[in-house]
C-alpha atoms as a PDB file:
ATOM      1  CA  MET A   1      23.352   0.966 -74.710  1.00  0.00           C
ATOM      2  CA  ALA A   2      26.591   2.756 -73.808  1.00  0.00           C
ATOM      3  CA  ASN A   3      28.608   4.432 -76.506  1.00  0.00           C
ATOM      4  CA  ILE A   4      31.860   2.450 -76.792  1.00  0.00           C
ATOM      5  CA  LYS A   5      34.711   4.420 -78.318  1.00  0.00           C
ATOM      6  CA  LYS A   6      36.881   2.218 -80.492  1.00  0.00           C
ATOM      7  CA  GLU A   7      40.621   2.707 -80.148  1.00  0.00           C
ATOM      8  CA  PRO A   8      42.588   3.325 -83.361  1.00  0.00           C
ATOM      9  CA  ASN A   9      44.433   0.321 -84.765  1.00  0.00           C
ATOM     10  CA  PRO A  10      48.147   0.477 -83.836  1.00  0.00           C
ATOM     11  CA  ILE A  11      49.111   0.033 -87.497  1.00  0.00           C
ATOM     12  CA  ASP A  12      46.899   2.993 -88.483  1.00  0.00           C
ATOM     13  CA  ILE A  13      48.609   5.033 -85.755  1.00  0.00           C
ATOM     14  CA  HIS A  14      52.044   4.025 -87.055  1.00  0.00           C
ATOM     15  CA  VAL A  15      51.180   4.782 -90.692  1.00  0.00           C
ATOM     16  CA  GLY A  16      49.741   8.164 -89.678  1.00  0.00           C
ATOM     17  CA  ALA A  17      52.863   8.982 -87.674  1.00  0.00           C
ATOM     18  CA  MET A  18      55.002   8.140 -90.701  1.00  0.00           C
ATOM     19  CA  VAL A  19      52.857  10.432 -92.886  1.00  0.00           C
ATOM     20  CA  ARG A  20      53.384  13.217 -90.323  1.00  0.00           C
ATOM     21  CA  LEU A  21      57.135  12.502 -90.229  1.00  0.00           C
ATOM     22  CA  LYS A  22      57.540  12.636 -94.013  1.00  0.00           C
ATOM     23  CA  ARG A  23      55.333  15.725 -94.305  1.00  0.00           C
ATOM     24  CA  ASN A  24      57.410  17.502 -91.663  1.00  0.00           C
ATOM     25  CA  MET A  25      60.655  16.389 -93.312  1.00  0.00           C
ATOM     26  CA  LEU A  26      59.481  18.154 -96.465  1.00  0.00           C
ATOM     27  CA  GLY A  27      58.352  21.232 -94.536  1.00  0.00           C
ATOM     28  CA  MET A  28      54.792  20.801 -95.793  1.00  0.00           C
ATOM     29  CA  SER A  29      51.814  21.988 -93.737  1.00  0.00           C
ATOM     30  CA  GLN A  30      48.739  19.899 -93.030  1.00  0.00           C
ATOM     31  CA  GLU A  31      46.769  22.484 -94.991  1.00  0.00           C
ATOM     32  CA  LYS A  32      48.975  22.045 -98.085  1.00  0.00           C
ATOM     33  CA  LEU A  33      48.792  18.245 -97.920  1.00  0.00           C
ATOM     34  CA  GLY A  34      45.021  18.404 -97.422  1.00  0.00           C
ATOM     35  CA  GLU A  35      44.631  20.785-100.345  1.00  0.00           C
ATOM     36  CA  SER A  36      46.664  18.450-102.572  1.00  0.00           C
ATOM     37  CA  LEU A  37      44.521  15.489-101.454  1.00  0.00           C
ATOM     38  CA  GLY A  38      41.212  17.339-101.739  1.00  0.00           C
ATOM     39  CA  VAL A  39      40.485  17.025 -98.014  1.00  0.00           C
ATOM     40  CA  THR A  40      40.536  19.427 -95.051  1.00  0.00           C
ATOM     41  CA  PHE A  41      43.548  19.841 -92.787  1.00  0.00           C
ATOM     42  CA  GLN A  42      41.353  18.350 -90.046  1.00  0.00           C
ATOM     43  CA  GLN A  43      41.101  15.169 -92.108  1.00  0.00           C
ATOM     44  CA  VAL A  44      44.895  15.132 -92.460  1.00  0.00           C
ATOM     45  CA  GLN A  45      45.119  15.465 -88.645  1.00  0.00           C
ATOM     46  CA  LYS A  46      42.831  12.453 -88.252  1.00  0.00           C
ATOM     47  CA  TYR A  47      44.942  10.450 -90.729  1.00  0.00           C
ATOM     48  CA  GLU A  48      48.118  11.392 -88.863  1.00  0.00           C
ATOM     49  CA  LYS A  49      46.666  10.418 -85.469  1.00  0.00           C
ATOM     50  CA  GLY A  50      45.348   7.138 -86.852  1.00  0.00           C
ATOM     51  CA  THR A  51      41.773   7.970 -85.863  1.00  0.00           C
ATOM     52  CA  ASN A  52      40.711   7.769 -89.527  1.00  0.00           C
ATOM     53  CA  ARG A  53      42.113   5.026 -91.700  1.00  0.00           C
ATOM     54  CA  ILE A  54      43.803   5.937 -94.954  1.00  0.00           C
ATOM     55  CA  SER A  55      42.341   4.057 -97.916  1.00  0.00           C
ATOM     56  CA  ALA A  56      44.671   2.346-100.380  1.00  0.00           C
ATOM     57  CA  SER A  57      43.961   4.917-103.098  1.00  0.00           C
ATOM     58  CA  LYS A  58      44.503   7.830-100.681  1.00  0.00           C
ATOM     59  CA  MET A  59      47.731   6.190 -99.442  1.00  0.00           C
ATOM     60  CA  GLN A  60      48.977   6.020-103.041  1.00  0.00           C
ATOM     61  CA  GLU A  61      48.088   9.694-103.497  1.00  0.00           C
ATOM     62  CA  ILE A  62      49.854  10.692-100.267  1.00  0.00           C
ATOM     63  CA  ALA A  63      52.976   8.772-101.299  1.00  0.00           C
ATOM     64  CA  LYS A  64      52.995  10.549-104.664  1.00  0.00           C
ATOM     65  CA  ILE A  65      52.533  14.000-103.085  1.00  0.00           C
ATOM     66  CA  LEU A  66      55.236  13.313-100.483  1.00  0.00           C
ATOM     67  CA  LYS A  67      57.512  11.817-103.162  1.00  0.00           C
ATOM     68  CA  THR A  68      58.124   8.554-101.346  1.00  0.00           C
ATOM     69  CA  PRO A  69      57.246   4.891-101.884  1.00  0.00           C
ATOM     70  CA  VAL A  70      54.140   3.588-100.118  1.00  0.00           C
ATOM     71  CA  SER A  71      56.336   1.086 -98.271  1.00  0.00           C
ATOM     72  CA  PHE A  72      57.968   3.976 -96.359  1.00  0.00           C
ATOM     73  CA  PHE A  73      54.796   4.450 -94.320  1.00  0.00           C
ATOM     74  CA  PHE A  74      54.868   0.848 -93.101  1.00  0.00           C
ATOM     75  CA  GLU A  75      58.554   0.693 -92.207  1.00  0.00           C
ATOM     76  CA  THR A  76      59.739   0.492 -88.618  1.00  0.00           C
ATOM     77  CA  GLY A  77      63.115   0.499 -86.970  1.00  0.00           C
ATOM     78  CA  SER A  78      62.977  -3.246 -86.475  1.00  0.00           C
ATOM     79  CA  ASP A  79      60.824  -5.803 -88.264  1.00  0.00           C
ATOM     80  CA  ALA A  80      61.457  -8.222 -85.400  1.00  0.00           C
ATOM     81  CA  ALA A  81      60.016  -5.712 -82.948  1.00  0.00           C
ATOM     82  CA  VAL A  82      56.929  -5.336 -85.113  1.00  0.00           C
ATOM     83  CA  GLU A  83      56.414  -9.103 -85.267  1.00  0.00           C
ATOM     84  CA  GLN A  84      57.032  -9.458 -81.547  1.00  0.00           C
ATOM     85  CA  SER A  85      54.804  -6.640 -80.378  1.00  0.00           C
ATOM     86  CA  GLY A  86      52.350  -6.578 -83.256  1.00  0.00           C
ATOM     87  CA  PHE A  87      52.579  -2.787 -82.920  1.00  0.00           C
ATOM     88  CA  ALA A  88      50.988  -3.230 -79.484  1.00  0.00           C
ATOM     89  CA  ASP A  89      53.508  -1.054 -77.703  1.00  0.00           C
ATOM     90  CA  GLY A  90      52.876   2.108 -79.683  1.00  0.00           C
ATOM     91  CA  GLU A  91      54.811   4.275 -77.258  1.00  0.00           C
ATOM     92  CA  SER A  92      58.114   2.404 -77.547  1.00  0.00           C
ATOM     93  CA  SER A  93      57.873   1.666 -81.261  1.00  0.00           C
ATOM     94  CA  ASN A  94      56.923   5.209 -82.252  1.00  0.00           C
ATOM     95  CA  TYR A  95      59.011   7.386 -79.935  1.00  0.00           C
ATOM     96  CA  VAL A  96      61.588   8.114 -82.654  1.00  0.00           C
ATOM     97  CA  VAL A  97      58.872   8.898 -85.180  1.00  0.00           C
ATOM     98  CA  ASP A  98      57.077  11.081 -82.616  1.00  0.00           C
ATOM     99  CA  PHE A  99      60.307  12.910 -81.796  1.00  0.00           C
ATOM    100  CA  LEU A 100      61.197  13.516 -85.442  1.00  0.00           C
ATOM    101  CA  SER A 101      57.639  14.599 -86.158  1.00  0.00           C
ATOM    102  CA  SER A 102      57.878  17.371 -83.580  1.00  0.00           C
ATOM    103  CA  SER A 103      59.185  20.782 -84.568  1.00  0.00           C
ATOM    104  CA  GLU A 104      61.979  20.593 -81.982  1.00  0.00           C
ATOM    105  CA  GLY A 105      62.979  17.083 -83.005  1.00  0.00           C
ATOM    106  CA  MET A 106      63.159  18.015 -86.654  1.00  0.00           C
ATOM    107  CA  GLN A 107      65.198  21.174 -85.937  1.00  0.00           C
ATOM    108  CA  LEU A 108      67.561  19.279 -83.650  1.00  0.00           C
ATOM    109  CA  SER A 109      68.047  16.480 -86.176  1.00  0.00           C
ATOM    110  CA  ILE A 110      68.798  18.877 -89.010  1.00  0.00           C
ATOM    111  CA  ALA A 111      71.231  20.934 -86.917  1.00  0.00           C
ATOM    112  CA  PHE A 112      72.934  17.840 -85.482  1.00  0.00           C
ATOM    113  CA  SER A 113      73.420  16.301 -88.930  1.00  0.00           C
ATOM    114  CA  LYS A 114      75.284  19.443 -90.028  1.00  0.00           C
ATOM    115  CA  ILE A 115      77.978  18.907 -87.353  1.00  0.00           C
ATOM    116  CA  LYS A 116      80.827  17.165 -89.170  1.00  0.00           C
ATOM    117  CA  ASP A 117      83.262  16.644 -86.267  1.00  0.00           C
ATOM    118  CA  PRO A 118      82.522  13.241 -84.643  1.00  0.00           C
ATOM    119  CA  LYS A 119      84.088  14.382 -81.339  1.00  0.00           C
ATOM    120  CA  VAL A 120      81.706  17.340 -81.135  1.00  0.00           C
ATOM    121  CA  ARG A 121      78.756  15.077 -81.953  1.00  0.00           C
ATOM    122  CA  LYS A 122      79.829  12.668 -79.183  1.00  0.00           C
ATOM    123  CA  LYS A 123      80.095  15.533 -76.677  1.00  0.00           C
ATOM    124  CA  ILE A 124      76.594  16.716 -77.592  1.00  0.00           C
ATOM    125  CA  ILE A 125      75.219  13.199 -77.107  1.00  0.00           C
ATOM    126  CA  ASP A 126      76.966  13.002 -73.710  1.00  0.00           C
ATOM    127  CA  LEU A 127      75.527  16.404 -72.751  1.00  0.00           C
ATOM    128  CA  VAL A 128      71.986  15.421 -73.722  1.00  0.00           C
ATOM    129  CA  ARG A 129      72.296  12.135 -71.812  1.00  0.00           C
ATOM    130  CA  SER A 130      73.494  13.933 -68.685  1.00  0.00           C
ATOM    131  CA  LEU A 131      70.621  16.447 -68.951  1.00  0.00           C
ATOM    132  CA  ALA A 132      68.147  13.594 -69.368  1.00  0.00           C
ATOM    133  CA  ASP A 133      69.553  11.868 -66.272  1.00  0.00           C
ATOM    134  CA  GLU A 134      69.166  15.077 -64.271  1.00  0.00           C
ATOM    135  CA  ALA A 135      65.522  15.363 -65.321  1.00  0.00           C
ATOM    136  CA  GLU A 136      64.711  11.945 -63.843  1.00  0.00           C
END
């Protein structure tokens, strides 16, 4: 019989992405989180990718270590979108989380939030949009 690889549940992928986001926001490494949880950094990677489910007790532990409520990991930008898609469209529902979970996204977000002048912020947004249009 053929070996059928089961795809991760979209909710597990979302929860893992939120763990990665919060960990990165705190500047914590996978190794440090794993050490605090009593697991390897490889296990943390699997949690963050959604390939291994996070048990309820481990989720509580992660929330405590990352100093955030458990509900944070289940939040999305739009509850209506979650109900509509059932998390099926992982790419569109997680692109912000994926961006903020990246090193570049985090650095850009932090730097951008330090710009106090709304006109400068608007010009940066316009610049990024024009660069994105050129790339297409």
